[in-house]
């Protein structure tokens, strides 16, 4: 999904090449150096990435569950985090067996 997939960075100025494109347009001389990072996850750069709004639903779900469990001491939210993979059809879980 790319590391920008869960931010709004890919949505901002997508029509101008994203945040790196804006930097270049305004004369930030080294903006091009950050382009590979600045568009990693952006659908406008690579159509294989998800549309930003799809990722934002996941971010809101997981953030609310984590913050309510931790800050509000609401133990009912723990199962929501555990069920994130079943709540969204594009989330997968990977577990590595550590030696």
C-alpha atoms as a PDB file:
ATOM      1  CA  UNK A   1       0.000   0.000   0.000  1.00  0.00           C
ATOM      2  CA  UNK A   2       2.910   2.356   0.483  1.00  0.00           C
ATOM      3  CA  UNK A   3       3.732   4.347   3.569  1.00  0.00           C
ATOM      4  CA  UNK A   4       1.677   7.401   2.511  1.00  0.00           C
ATOM      5  CA  UNK A   5      -1.480   5.310   2.108  1.00  0.00           C
ATOM      6  CA  UNK A   6      -2.787   6.239   5.530  1.00  0.00           C
ATOM      7  CA  UNK A   7      -2.223   9.966   5.330  1.00  0.00           C
ATOM      8  CA  UNK A   8      -3.822  12.723   3.314  1.00  0.00           C
ATOM      9  CA  UNK A   9      -0.508  13.550   1.648  1.00  0.00           C
ATOM     10  CA  UNK A  10      -1.526  11.696  -1.523  1.00  0.00           C
ATOM     11  CA  UNK A  11      -4.766  13.583  -1.757  1.00  0.00           C
ATOM     12  CA  UNK A  12      -3.252  17.037  -1.413  1.00  0.00           C
ATOM     13  CA  UNK A  13      -2.480  18.512  -4.829  1.00  0.00           C
ATOM     14  CA  UNK A  14      -2.705  15.162  -6.623  1.00  0.00           C
ATOM     15  CA  UNK A  15      -3.383  17.126  -9.819  1.00  0.00           C
ATOM     16  CA  UNK A  16      -0.016  18.881  -9.395  1.00  0.00           C
ATOM     17  CA  UNK A  17       2.121  15.826  -8.685  1.00  0.00           C
ATOM     18  CA  UNK A  18       1.452  15.730  -4.979  1.00  0.00           C
ATOM     19  CA  UNK A  19       3.440  17.493  -2.323  1.00  0.00           C
ATOM     20  CA  UNK A  20       6.727  16.889  -4.170  1.00  0.00           C
ATOM     21  CA  UNK A  21       5.267  18.451  -7.325  1.00  0.00           C
ATOM     22  CA  UNK A  22       4.183  21.500  -5.374  1.00  0.00           C
ATOM     23  CA  UNK A  23       7.654  21.796  -3.875  1.00  0.00           C
ATOM     24  CA  UNK A  24       9.214  21.726  -7.321  1.00  0.00           C
ATOM     25  CA  UNK A  25       6.697  24.270  -8.647  1.00  0.00           C
ATOM     26  CA  UNK A  26       7.674  26.673  -5.857  1.00  0.00           C
ATOM     27  CA  UNK A  27      11.393  26.269  -6.366  1.00  0.00           C
ATOM     28  CA  UNK A  28      12.306  23.930  -3.546  1.00  0.00           C
ATOM     29  CA  UNK A  29      15.447  22.757  -5.279  1.00  0.00           C
ATOM     30  CA  UNK A  30      15.669  19.342  -3.609  1.00  0.00           C
ATOM     31  CA  UNK A  31      11.951  18.437  -3.781  1.00  0.00           C
ATOM     32  CA  UNK A  32      12.664  15.930  -6.543  1.00  0.00           C
ATOM     33  CA  UNK A  33      14.846  13.950  -4.128  1.00  0.00           C
ATOM     34  CA  UNK A  34      11.820  13.226  -1.961  1.00  0.00           C
ATOM     35  CA  UNK A  35       9.461  12.287  -4.783  1.00  0.00           C
ATOM     36  CA  UNK A  36       9.891   8.505  -4.376  1.00  0.00           C
ATOM     37  CA  UNK A  37       8.909   8.865  -0.711  1.00  0.00           C
ATOM     38  CA  UNK A  38       6.281  11.550  -1.231  1.00  0.00           C
ATOM     39  CA  UNK A  39       4.215   9.483  -3.676  1.00  0.00           C
ATOM     40  CA  UNK A  40       4.686   6.038  -2.107  1.00  0.00           C
ATOM     41  CA  UNK A  41       1.065   5.000  -1.655  1.00  0.00           C
ATOM     42  CA  UNK A  42      -0.502   7.640  -3.884  1.00  0.00           C
ATOM     43  CA  UNK A  43      -3.073   6.414  -6.371  1.00  0.00           C
ATOM     44  CA  UNK A  44      -2.369   9.312  -8.758  1.00  0.00           C
ATOM     45  CA  UNK A  45       1.212   8.054  -9.042  1.00  0.00           C
ATOM     46  CA  UNK A  46       0.431   4.334  -9.243  1.00  0.00           C
ATOM     47  CA  UNK A  47      -3.133   3.177  -9.968  1.00  0.00           C
ATOM     48  CA  UNK A  48      -2.492  -0.081  -8.092  1.00  0.00           C
ATOM     49  CA  UNK A  49      -2.719   1.845  -4.821  1.00  0.00           C
ATOM     50  CA  UNK A  50      -6.079   2.271  -3.100  1.00  0.00           C
ATOM     51  CA  UNK A  51      -8.057   5.473  -3.310  1.00  0.00           C
ATOM     52  CA  UNK A  52      -7.266   7.600  -0.231  1.00  0.00           C
ATOM     53  CA  UNK A  53     -10.825   7.554   1.151  1.00  0.00           C
ATOM     54  CA  UNK A  54     -10.704   3.755   1.391  1.00  0.00           C
ATOM     55  CA  UNK A  55      -7.635   3.963   3.616  1.00  0.00           C
ATOM     56  CA  UNK A  56      -9.112   6.732   5.752  1.00  0.00           C
ATOM     57  CA  UNK A  57     -12.004   4.442   6.793  1.00  0.00           C
ATOM     58  CA  UNK A  58      -9.450   1.971   8.113  1.00  0.00           C
ATOM     59  CA  UNK A  59      -7.444   4.692   9.875  1.00  0.00           C
ATOM     60  CA  UNK A  60     -10.543   6.064  11.615  1.00  0.00           C
ATOM     61  CA  UNK A  61     -11.651   2.587  12.689  1.00  0.00           C
ATOM     62  CA  UNK A  62      -8.285   1.515  14.079  1.00  0.00           C
ATOM     63  CA  UNK A  63      -7.478   4.892  15.653  1.00  0.00           C
ATOM     64  CA  UNK A  64     -10.827   5.123  17.418  1.00  0.00           C
ATOM     65  CA  UNK A  65     -10.505   1.565  18.717  1.00  0.00           C
ATOM     66  CA  UNK A  66      -6.956   2.085  19.981  1.00  0.00           C
ATOM     67  CA  UNK A  67      -7.577   5.479  21.570  1.00  0.00           C
ATOM     68  CA  UNK A  68     -10.865   4.529  23.197  1.00  0.00           C
ATOM     69  CA  UNK A  69      -9.318   1.381  24.632  1.00  0.00           C
ATOM     70  CA  UNK A  70      -6.262   3.212  25.937  1.00  0.00           C
ATOM     71  CA  UNK A  71      -7.443   6.708  26.833  1.00  0.00           C
ATOM     72  CA  UNK A  72     -11.005   5.908  27.860  1.00  0.00           C
ATOM     73  CA  UNK A  73      -9.990   2.593  29.460  1.00  0.00           C
ATOM     74  CA  UNK A  74     -12.762   0.920  27.470  1.00  0.00           C
ATOM     75  CA  UNK A  75     -11.862  -2.764  27.275  1.00  0.00           C
ATOM     76  CA  UNK A  76     -14.757  -3.348  24.844  1.00  0.00           C
ATOM     77  CA  UNK A  77     -12.634  -1.800  22.101  1.00  0.00           C
ATOM     78  CA  UNK A  78      -9.898  -4.477  22.223  1.00  0.00           C
ATOM     79  CA  UNK A  79     -11.960  -6.946  20.152  1.00  0.00           C
ATOM     80  CA  UNK A  80     -12.444  -4.224  17.519  1.00  0.00           C
ATOM     81  CA  UNK A  81      -8.692  -4.065  16.984  1.00  0.00           C
ATOM     82  CA  UNK A  82      -8.441  -7.836  16.885  1.00  0.00           C
ATOM     83  CA  UNK A  83     -11.217  -7.924  14.266  1.00  0.00           C
ATOM     84  CA  UNK A  84      -9.758  -5.280  11.951  1.00  0.00           C
ATOM     85  CA  UNK A  85      -8.890  -7.886   9.291  1.00  0.00           C
ATOM     86  CA  UNK A  86     -12.480  -9.114   9.168  1.00  0.00           C
ATOM     87  CA  UNK A  87     -13.930  -5.584   9.213  1.00  0.00           C
ATOM     88  CA  UNK A  88     -12.088  -4.600   6.021  1.00  0.00           C
ATOM     89  CA  UNK A  89     -11.737  -6.837   2.994  1.00  0.00           C
ATOM     90  CA  UNK A  90      -8.352  -5.371   2.072  1.00  0.00           C
ATOM     91  CA  UNK A  91      -6.587  -5.947   5.394  1.00  0.00           C
ATOM     92  CA  UNK A  92      -4.456  -9.016   5.922  1.00  0.00           C
ATOM     93  CA  UNK A  93      -2.535 -10.201   8.907  1.00  0.00           C
ATOM     94  CA  UNK A  94       1.023 -11.465   8.811  1.00  0.00           C
ATOM     95  CA  UNK A  95       2.685 -13.150  11.734  1.00  0.00           C
ATOM     96  CA  UNK A  96       6.277 -14.252  11.778  1.00  0.00           C
ATOM     97  CA  UNK A  97       7.481 -16.994  14.027  1.00  0.00           C
ATOM     98  CA  UNK A  98      10.408 -15.535  15.918  1.00  0.00           C
ATOM     99  CA  UNK A  99      13.256 -17.827  16.857  1.00  0.00           C
END
